[in-house]
Amino acid sequence: MSVLAFISSIFEPAVKLVDELHTSDEEKLIMQREIKRVENELLAKVIDYETKLLESKTQIITAEATGQSWIQRNWRPITMLTFLVLVVCDSFGLLASPLADEAWTLLQIGLGGYVAGRSAEKITKQYMNARSPGTRHDSIAKG
């Protein structure tokens, strides 16, 4: 269940409770509107938080990808190649003992982070190239 769905599910019982109250329809609508307002404010804050978190992750990955040190730029690909070797060896039974469930979880997290990191790196490069002076986008905007 996503965070947004979870937050909506928290407010659902309150909305149902308002429907069961013995008051006028106008009062019910006012209460429901207020509950929805609070729910929307909370959802907006969660989305803002998630956006800031993603921006922070992107900045970290971009800093790594554009770093001066060879190891800083390449530790993720090296790690993923190591995982690939372990998976191939595990698949062919070449390891002394099979990979633990935690290793597979780590592999899934690492692969997801690597793919997201490479995507962020490519998008950042495209964005920076588009923002550089003398690019086609700048000349179109000026012309």
N, C-alpha and C. Protein backbone atom coordinates (compact mmCIF):
# COMPACT_ATOMS: atom_id res chain seq x y z
N MET A 1 0.86 -1.17 0.00
CA MET A 1 0.00 0.00 0.00
C MET A 1 0.90 1.23 0.00
N SER A 2 0.63 2.15 -0.90
CA SER A 2 1.43 3.36 -0.98
C SER A 2 1.09 4.30 0.18
N VAL A 3 1.97 5.25 0.42
CA VAL A 3 1.75 6.21 1.50
C VAL A 3 0.49 7.02 1.24
N LEU A 4 0.28 7.41 -0.01
CA LEU A 4 -0.89 8.22 -0.35
C LEU A 4 -2.19 7.44 -0.12
N ALA A 5 -2.20 6.18 -0.50
CA ALA A 5 -3.39 5.35 -0.28
C ALA A 5 -3.62 5.14 1.22
N PHE A 6 -2.54 4.98 1.97
CA PHE A 6 -2.64 4.81 3.41
C PHE A 6 -3.26 6.04 4.06
N ILE A 7 -2.81 7.22 3.66
CA ILE A 7 -3.35 8.45 4.23
C ILE A 7 -4.83 8.59 3.90
N SER A 8 -5.19 8.28 2.66
CA SER A 8 -6.61 8.34 2.29
C SER A 8 -7.44 7.36 3.10
N SER A 9 -6.89 6.18 3.37
CA SER A 9 -7.63 5.18 4.14
C SER A 9 -7.83 5.61 5.59
N ILE A 10 -6.94 6.45 6.10
CA ILE A 10 -7.08 6.94 7.47
C ILE A 10 -8.32 7.84 7.58
N PHE A 11 -8.55 8.66 6.58
CA PHE A 11 -9.64 9.62 6.63
C PHE A 11 -10.99 9.03 6.22
N GLU A 12 -10.98 7.90 5.55
CA GLU A 12 -12.23 7.29 5.06
C GLU A 12 -13.23 6.99 6.18
N PRO A 13 -12.83 6.41 7.32
CA PRO A 13 -13.80 6.16 8.39
C PRO A 13 -14.45 7.44 8.93
N ALA A 14 -13.69 8.51 8.98
CA ALA A 14 -14.24 9.77 9.47
C ALA A 14 -15.32 10.29 8.52
N VAL A 15 -15.09 10.16 7.22
CA VAL A 15 -16.08 10.60 6.24
C VAL A 15 -17.35 9.75 6.36
N LYS A 16 -17.19 8.44 6.55
CA LYS A 16 -18.35 7.56 6.71
C LYS A 16 -19.12 7.90 7.99
N LEU A 17 -18.38 8.23 9.05
CA LEU A 17 -19.01 8.58 10.31
C LEU A 17 -19.87 9.84 10.15
N VAL A 18 -19.38 10.81 9.41
CA VAL A 18 -20.15 12.03 9.17
C VAL A 18 -21.44 11.71 8.43
N ASP A 19 -21.39 10.76 7.51
CA ASP A 19 -22.60 10.36 6.77
C ASP A 19 -23.67 9.80 7.69
N GLU A 20 -23.23 9.16 8.79
CA GLU A 20 -24.18 8.53 9.70
C GLU A 20 -24.72 9.48 10.78
N LEU A 21 -24.17 10.67 10.86
CA LEU A 21 -24.64 11.63 11.86
C LEU A 21 -26.07 12.08 11.56
N HIS A 22 -26.79 12.38 12.61
CA HIS A 22 -28.16 12.86 12.46
C HIS A 22 -28.16 14.39 12.51
N THR A 23 -27.66 14.97 11.43
CA THR A 23 -27.65 16.43 11.30
C THR A 23 -28.15 16.76 9.90
N SER A 24 -28.19 18.03 9.61
CA SER A 24 -28.66 18.45 8.28
C SER A 24 -27.62 18.08 7.22
N ASP A 25 -28.07 18.00 5.99
CA ASP A 25 -27.16 17.69 4.88
C ASP A 25 -26.09 18.77 4.74
N GLU A 26 -26.46 20.00 5.01
CA GLU A 26 -25.51 21.10 4.91
C GLU A 26 -24.38 20.94 5.94
N GLU A 27 -24.72 20.58 7.17
CA GLU A 27 -23.69 20.38 8.20
C GLU A 27 -22.79 19.19 7.85
N LYS A 28 -23.39 18.13 7.31
CA LYS A 28 -22.59 16.98 6.88
C LYS A 28 -21.60 17.39 5.80
N LEU A 29 -22.05 18.17 4.84
CA LEU A 29 -21.16 18.61 3.76
C LEU A 29 -20.02 19.48 4.29
N ILE A 30 -20.33 20.34 5.25
CA ILE A 30 -19.30 21.20 5.84
C ILE A 30 -18.24 20.34 6.54
N MET A 31 -18.68 19.35 7.31
CA MET A 31 -17.73 18.47 8.02
C MET A 31 -16.91 17.65 7.02
N GLN A 32 -17.57 17.12 6.01
CA GLN A 32 -16.85 16.32 5.01
C GLN A 32 -15.83 17.18 4.27
N ARG A 33 -16.21 18.40 3.95
CA ARG A 33 -15.30 19.32 3.26
C ARG A 33 -14.08 19.61 4.13
N GLU A 34 -14.28 19.79 5.42
CA GLU A 34 -13.17 20.06 6.33
C GLU A 34 -12.24 18.85 6.43
N ILE A 35 -12.82 17.66 6.51
CA ILE A 35 -12.00 16.44 6.56
C ILE A 35 -11.18 16.32 5.28
N LYS A 36 -11.80 16.57 4.14
CA LYS A 36 -11.09 16.49 2.86
C LYS A 36 -9.98 17.54 2.78
N ARG A 37 -10.23 18.72 3.33
CA ARG A 37 -9.22 19.78 3.33
C ARG A 37 -7.99 19.34 4.11
N VAL A 38 -8.21 18.77 5.30
CA VAL A 38 -7.10 18.29 6.12
C VAL A 38 -6.37 17.15 5.41
N GLU A 39 -7.12 16.24 4.81
CA GLU A 39 -6.52 15.13 4.08
C GLU A 39 -5.66 15.66 2.93
N ASN A 40 -6.16 16.63 2.18
CA ASN A 40 -5.41 17.19 1.06
C ASN A 40 -4.15 17.90 1.52
N GLU A 41 -4.21 18.60 2.64
CA GLU A 41 -3.02 19.25 3.18
C GLU A 41 -1.96 18.22 3.54
N LEU A 42 -2.39 17.14 4.18
CA LEU A 42 -1.45 16.09 4.55
C LEU A 42 -0.85 15.43 3.31
N LEU A 43 -1.67 15.16 2.32
CA LEU A 43 -1.17 14.56 1.08
C LEU A 43 -0.17 15.49 0.40
N ALA A 44 -0.45 16.78 0.40
CA ALA A 44 0.47 17.75 -0.22
C ALA A 44 1.81 17.74 0.50
N LYS A 45 1.79 17.64 1.83
CA LYS A 45 3.03 17.60 2.59
C LYS A 45 3.82 16.33 2.31
N VAL A 46 3.12 15.21 2.18
CA VAL A 46 3.79 13.95 1.87
C VAL A 46 4.42 14.02 0.47
N ILE A 47 3.70 14.56 -0.48
CA ILE A 47 4.24 14.68 -1.84
C ILE A 47 5.45 15.61 -1.84
N ASP A 48 5.37 16.69 -1.10
CA ASP A 48 6.50 17.62 -1.00
C ASP A 48 7.71 16.92 -0.39
N TYR A 49 7.48 16.14 0.65
CA TYR A 49 8.56 15.39 1.28
C TYR A 49 9.19 14.40 0.30
N GLU A 50 8.35 13.65 -0.41
CA GLU A 50 8.85 12.67 -1.37
C GLU A 50 9.64 13.35 -2.49
N THR A 51 9.19 14.52 -2.91
CA THR A 51 9.90 15.27 -3.95
C THR A 51 11.27 15.69 -3.47
N LYS A 52 11.35 16.22 -2.25
CA LYS A 52 12.63 16.64 -1.69
C LYS A 52 13.57 15.45 -1.51
N LEU A 53 13.02 14.33 -1.10
CA LEU A 53 13.82 13.12 -0.92
C LEU A 53 14.41 12.67 -2.25
N LEU A 54 13.60 12.67 -3.30
CA LEU A 54 14.07 12.28 -4.62
C LEU A 54 15.13 13.26 -5.14
N GLU A 55 14.92 14.54 -4.91
CA GLU A 55 15.91 15.55 -5.32
C GLU A 55 17.24 15.32 -4.60
N SER A 56 17.18 14.99 -3.32
CA SER A 56 18.41 14.73 -2.56
C SER A 56 19.15 13.52 -3.11
N LYS A 57 18.40 12.46 -3.40
CA LYS A 57 19.03 11.26 -3.96
C LYS A 57 19.66 11.56 -5.32
N THR A 58 18.97 12.35 -6.12
CA THR A 58 19.49 12.72 -7.44
C THR A 58 20.77 13.51 -7.30
N GLN A 59 20.82 14.44 -6.36
CA GLN A 59 22.03 15.24 -6.15
C GLN A 59 23.21 14.37 -5.71
N ILE A 60 22.95 13.39 -4.87
CA ILE A 60 24.02 12.50 -4.41
C ILE A 60 24.56 11.68 -5.58
N ILE A 61 23.66 11.12 -6.37
CA ILE A 61 24.09 10.30 -7.49
C ILE A 61 24.81 11.14 -8.54
N THR A 62 24.32 12.35 -8.76
CA THR A 62 24.97 13.25 -9.72
C THR A 62 26.37 13.60 -9.23
N ALA A 63 26.51 13.88 -7.95
CA ALA A 63 27.83 14.20 -7.39
C ALA A 63 28.79 13.02 -7.55
N GLU A 64 28.29 11.81 -7.34
CA GLU A 64 29.13 10.63 -7.52
C GLU A 64 29.53 10.47 -8.98
N ALA A 65 28.56 10.65 -9.89
CA ALA A 65 28.81 10.43 -11.31
C ALA A 65 29.76 11.47 -11.89
N THR A 66 29.79 12.66 -11.32
CA THR A 66 30.65 13.72 -11.85
C THR A 66 31.87 13.96 -10.97
N GLY A 67 32.12 13.06 -10.04
CA GLY A 67 33.23 13.22 -9.12
C GLY A 67 34.59 13.09 -9.80
N GLN A 68 35.62 13.55 -9.12
CA GLN A 68 36.97 13.54 -9.66
C GLN A 68 37.63 12.16 -9.58
N SER A 69 37.27 11.40 -8.56
CA SER A 69 37.91 10.11 -8.33
C SER A 69 37.29 9.02 -9.21
N TRP A 70 38.15 8.15 -9.75
CA TRP A 70 37.68 7.04 -10.57
C TRP A 70 36.77 6.12 -9.76
N ILE A 71 37.16 5.84 -8.54
CA ILE A 71 36.37 4.93 -7.70
C ILE A 71 35.03 5.55 -7.34
N GLN A 72 35.00 6.86 -7.14
CA GLN A 72 33.75 7.55 -6.82
C GLN A 72 32.75 7.43 -7.98
N ARG A 73 33.25 7.52 -9.20
CA ARG A 73 32.37 7.45 -10.37
C ARG A 73 31.96 6.01 -10.69
N ASN A 74 32.74 5.03 -10.30
CA ASN A 74 32.53 3.67 -10.79
C ASN A 74 32.18 2.63 -9.74
N TRP A 75 32.01 3.01 -8.48
CA TRP A 75 31.74 1.99 -7.47
C TRP A 75 30.40 1.30 -7.70
N ARG A 76 29.39 2.02 -8.18
CA ARG A 76 28.10 1.38 -8.44
C ARG A 76 28.19 0.32 -9.55
N PRO A 77 28.79 0.66 -10.71
CA PRO A 77 28.92 -0.39 -11.74
C PRO A 77 29.74 -1.59 -11.27
N ILE A 78 30.80 -1.33 -10.51
CA ILE A 78 31.62 -2.44 -10.00
C ILE A 78 30.79 -3.33 -9.07
N THR A 79 30.00 -2.70 -8.21
CA THR A 79 29.15 -3.45 -7.29
C THR A 79 28.13 -4.29 -8.06
N MET A 80 27.53 -3.71 -9.08
CA MET A 80 26.53 -4.45 -9.85
C MET A 80 27.16 -5.59 -10.64
N LEU A 81 28.37 -5.40 -11.15
CA LEU A 81 29.06 -6.50 -11.83
C LEU A 81 29.39 -7.62 -10.85
N THR A 82 29.74 -7.26 -9.63
CA THR A 82 30.00 -8.26 -8.60
C THR A 82 28.74 -9.06 -8.31
N PHE A 83 27.61 -8.35 -8.19
CA PHE A 83 26.33 -9.04 -7.99
C PHE A 83 26.01 -9.97 -9.16
N LEU A 84 26.29 -9.51 -10.38
CA LEU A 84 26.03 -10.34 -11.56
C LEU A 84 26.84 -11.62 -11.51
N VAL A 85 28.10 -11.52 -11.14
CA VAL A 85 28.95 -12.71 -11.03
C VAL A 85 28.39 -13.66 -9.97
N LEU A 86 27.98 -13.12 -8.83
CA LEU A 86 27.41 -13.96 -7.77
C LEU A 86 26.13 -14.65 -8.23
N VAL A 87 25.27 -13.93 -8.95
CA VAL A 87 24.02 -14.53 -9.43
C VAL A 87 24.31 -15.64 -10.43
N VAL A 88 25.24 -15.41 -11.35
CA VAL A 88 25.58 -16.44 -12.34
C VAL A 88 26.17 -17.66 -11.63
N CYS A 89 27.09 -17.42 -10.71
CA CYS A 89 27.69 -18.55 -9.97
C CYS A 89 26.63 -19.30 -9.17
N ASP A 90 25.71 -18.57 -8.55
CA ASP A 90 24.64 -19.21 -7.79
C ASP A 90 23.72 -20.02 -8.70
N SER A 91 23.44 -19.49 -9.87
CA SER A 91 22.55 -20.18 -10.82
C SER A 91 23.14 -21.49 -11.30
N PHE A 92 24.45 -21.54 -11.45
CA PHE A 92 25.11 -22.76 -11.91
C PHE A 92 25.62 -23.62 -10.76
N GLY A 93 25.29 -23.26 -9.53
CA GLY A 93 25.68 -24.06 -8.38
C GLY A 93 27.18 -24.02 -8.10
N LEU A 94 27.84 -22.94 -8.47
CA LEU A 94 29.28 -22.85 -8.29
C LEU A 94 29.70 -22.28 -6.94
N LEU A 95 28.73 -21.84 -6.15
CA LEU A 95 29.04 -21.29 -4.83
C LEU A 95 29.01 -22.40 -3.79
N ALA A 96 29.79 -22.25 -2.73
CA ALA A 96 29.82 -23.25 -1.66
C ALA A 96 28.45 -23.40 -1.02
N SER A 97 27.73 -22.29 -0.89
CA SER A 97 26.36 -22.33 -0.38
C SER A 97 25.54 -21.31 -1.18
N PRO A 98 24.26 -21.59 -1.36
CA PRO A 98 23.42 -20.69 -2.15
C PRO A 98 23.33 -19.30 -1.50
N LEU A 99 23.06 -18.31 -2.33
CA LEU A 99 22.91 -16.95 -1.81
C LEU A 99 21.72 -16.90 -0.85
N ALA A 100 21.90 -16.21 0.24
CA ALA A 100 20.84 -16.06 1.24
C ALA A 100 19.75 -15.13 0.70
N ASP A 101 18.57 -15.21 1.30
CA ASP A 101 17.47 -14.34 0.90
C ASP A 101 17.85 -12.87 1.04
N GLU A 102 18.64 -12.55 2.06
CA GLU A 102 19.07 -11.17 2.25
C GLU A 102 19.93 -10.68 1.10
N ALA A 103 20.73 -11.59 0.54
CA ALA A 103 21.57 -11.21 -0.60
C ALA A 103 20.69 -10.88 -1.81
N TRP A 104 19.62 -11.65 -2.00
CA TRP A 104 18.71 -11.36 -3.12
C TRP A 104 17.98 -10.04 -2.89
N THR A 105 17.60 -9.76 -1.65
CA THR A 105 16.96 -8.48 -1.34
C THR A 105 17.93 -7.33 -1.61
N LEU A 106 19.17 -7.50 -1.17
CA LEU A 106 20.19 -6.48 -1.42
C LEU A 106 20.41 -6.28 -2.92
N LEU A 107 20.39 -7.37 -3.66
CA LEU A 107 20.54 -7.29 -5.12
C LEU A 107 19.39 -6.50 -5.74
N GLN A 108 18.17 -6.77 -5.30
CA GLN A 108 17.01 -6.04 -5.83
C GLN A 108 17.10 -4.55 -5.51
N ILE A 109 17.48 -4.22 -4.29
CA ILE A 109 17.62 -2.82 -3.90
C ILE A 109 18.75 -2.17 -4.70
N GLY A 110 19.86 -2.88 -4.81
CA GLY A 110 21.01 -2.33 -5.55
C GLY A 110 20.70 -2.12 -7.01
N LEU A 111 20.03 -3.08 -7.62
CA LEU A 111 19.67 -2.95 -9.03
C LEU A 111 18.71 -1.79 -9.23
N GLY A 112 17.72 -1.67 -8.35
CA GLY A 112 16.78 -0.56 -8.44
C GLY A 112 17.49 0.77 -8.27
N GLY A 113 18.39 0.86 -7.32
CA GLY A 113 19.14 2.09 -7.10
C GLY A 113 20.08 2.39 -8.25
N TYR A 114 20.68 1.35 -8.81
CA TYR A 114 21.60 1.55 -9.93
C TYR A 114 20.86 2.05 -11.15
N VAL A 115 19.73 1.43 -11.46
CA VAL A 115 18.94 1.85 -12.62
C VAL A 115 18.44 3.28 -12.43
N ALA A 116 17.93 3.58 -11.25
CA ALA A 116 17.46 4.94 -10.97
C ALA A 116 18.63 5.92 -11.02
N GLY A 117 19.77 5.52 -10.51
CA GLY A 117 20.95 6.38 -10.52
C GLY A 117 21.43 6.67 -11.93
N ARG A 118 21.49 5.64 -12.75
CA ARG A 118 21.93 5.85 -14.14
C ARG A 118 20.93 6.73 -14.88
N SER A 119 19.65 6.52 -14.63
CA SER A 119 18.63 7.36 -15.27
C SER A 119 18.80 8.81 -14.83
N ALA A 120 18.97 9.02 -13.55
CA ALA A 120 19.16 10.38 -13.03
C ALA A 120 20.42 11.00 -13.62
N GLU A 121 21.47 10.21 -13.75
CA GLU A 121 22.72 10.71 -14.33
C GLU A 121 22.52 11.15 -15.78
N LYS A 122 21.83 10.34 -16.56
CA LYS A 122 21.60 10.68 -17.97
C LYS A 122 20.70 11.90 -18.10
N ILE A 123 19.67 11.96 -17.29
CA ILE A 123 18.76 13.11 -17.33
C ILE A 123 19.50 14.38 -16.94
N THR A 124 20.34 14.28 -15.91
CA THR A 124 21.10 15.45 -15.46
C THR A 124 22.04 15.94 -16.55
N LYS A 125 22.72 15.02 -17.24
CA LYS A 125 23.62 15.41 -18.33
C LYS A 125 22.85 16.10 -19.44
N GLN A 126 21.69 15.54 -19.80
CA GLN A 126 20.87 16.16 -20.86
C GLN A 126 20.41 17.55 -20.43
N TYR A 127 20.01 17.67 -19.19
CA TYR A 127 19.54 18.96 -18.67
C TYR A 127 20.68 19.97 -18.68
N MET A 128 21.85 19.56 -18.22
CA MET A 128 22.99 20.47 -18.17
C MET A 128 23.42 20.87 -19.58
N ASN A 129 23.39 19.94 -20.52
CA ASN A 129 23.73 20.28 -21.90
C ASN A 129 22.73 21.25 -22.50
N ALA A 130 21.47 21.06 -22.19
CA ALA A 130 20.44 21.96 -22.71
C ALA A 130 20.55 23.34 -22.10
N ARG A 131 21.06 23.44 -20.88
CA ARG A 131 21.18 24.72 -20.19
C ARG A 131 22.49 25.44 -20.51
N SER A 132 23.44 24.76 -21.16
CA SER A 132 24.73 25.39 -21.45
C SER A 132 24.56 26.49 -22.50
N PRO A 133 25.33 27.57 -22.36
CA PRO A 133 25.27 28.63 -23.37
C PRO A 133 25.71 28.10 -24.73
N GLY A 134 25.08 28.61 -25.77
CA GLY A 134 25.44 28.23 -27.13
C GLY A 134 24.75 27.00 -27.64
N THR A 135 23.86 26.40 -26.85
CA THR A 135 23.13 25.23 -27.35
C THR A 135 21.97 25.69 -28.22
N ARG A 136 21.44 24.77 -28.93
CA ARG A 136 20.35 25.05 -29.86
C ARG A 136 19.16 25.65 -29.11
N HIS A 137 18.88 25.16 -27.90
CA HIS A 137 17.72 25.65 -27.13
C HIS A 137 17.88 27.12 -26.79
N ASP A 138 19.11 27.53 -26.43
CA ASP A 138 19.33 28.93 -26.08
C ASP A 138 19.21 29.82 -27.31
N SER A 139 19.72 29.35 -28.45
CA SER A 139 19.66 30.19 -29.64
C SER A 139 18.23 30.32 -30.14
N ILE A 140 17.40 29.30 -29.95
CA ILE A 140 16.00 29.39 -30.33
C ILE A 140 15.28 30.38 -29.43
N ALA A 141 15.58 30.31 -28.13
CA ALA A 141 14.93 31.21 -27.19
C ALA A 141 15.32 32.66 -27.45
N LYS A 142 16.58 32.88 -27.86
CA LYS A 142 17.05 34.25 -28.12
C LYS A 142 16.56 34.77 -29.45
N GLY A 143 16.43 33.86 -30.42
CA GLY A 143 16.12 34.24 -31.80
C GLY A 143 14.70 34.48 -32.00
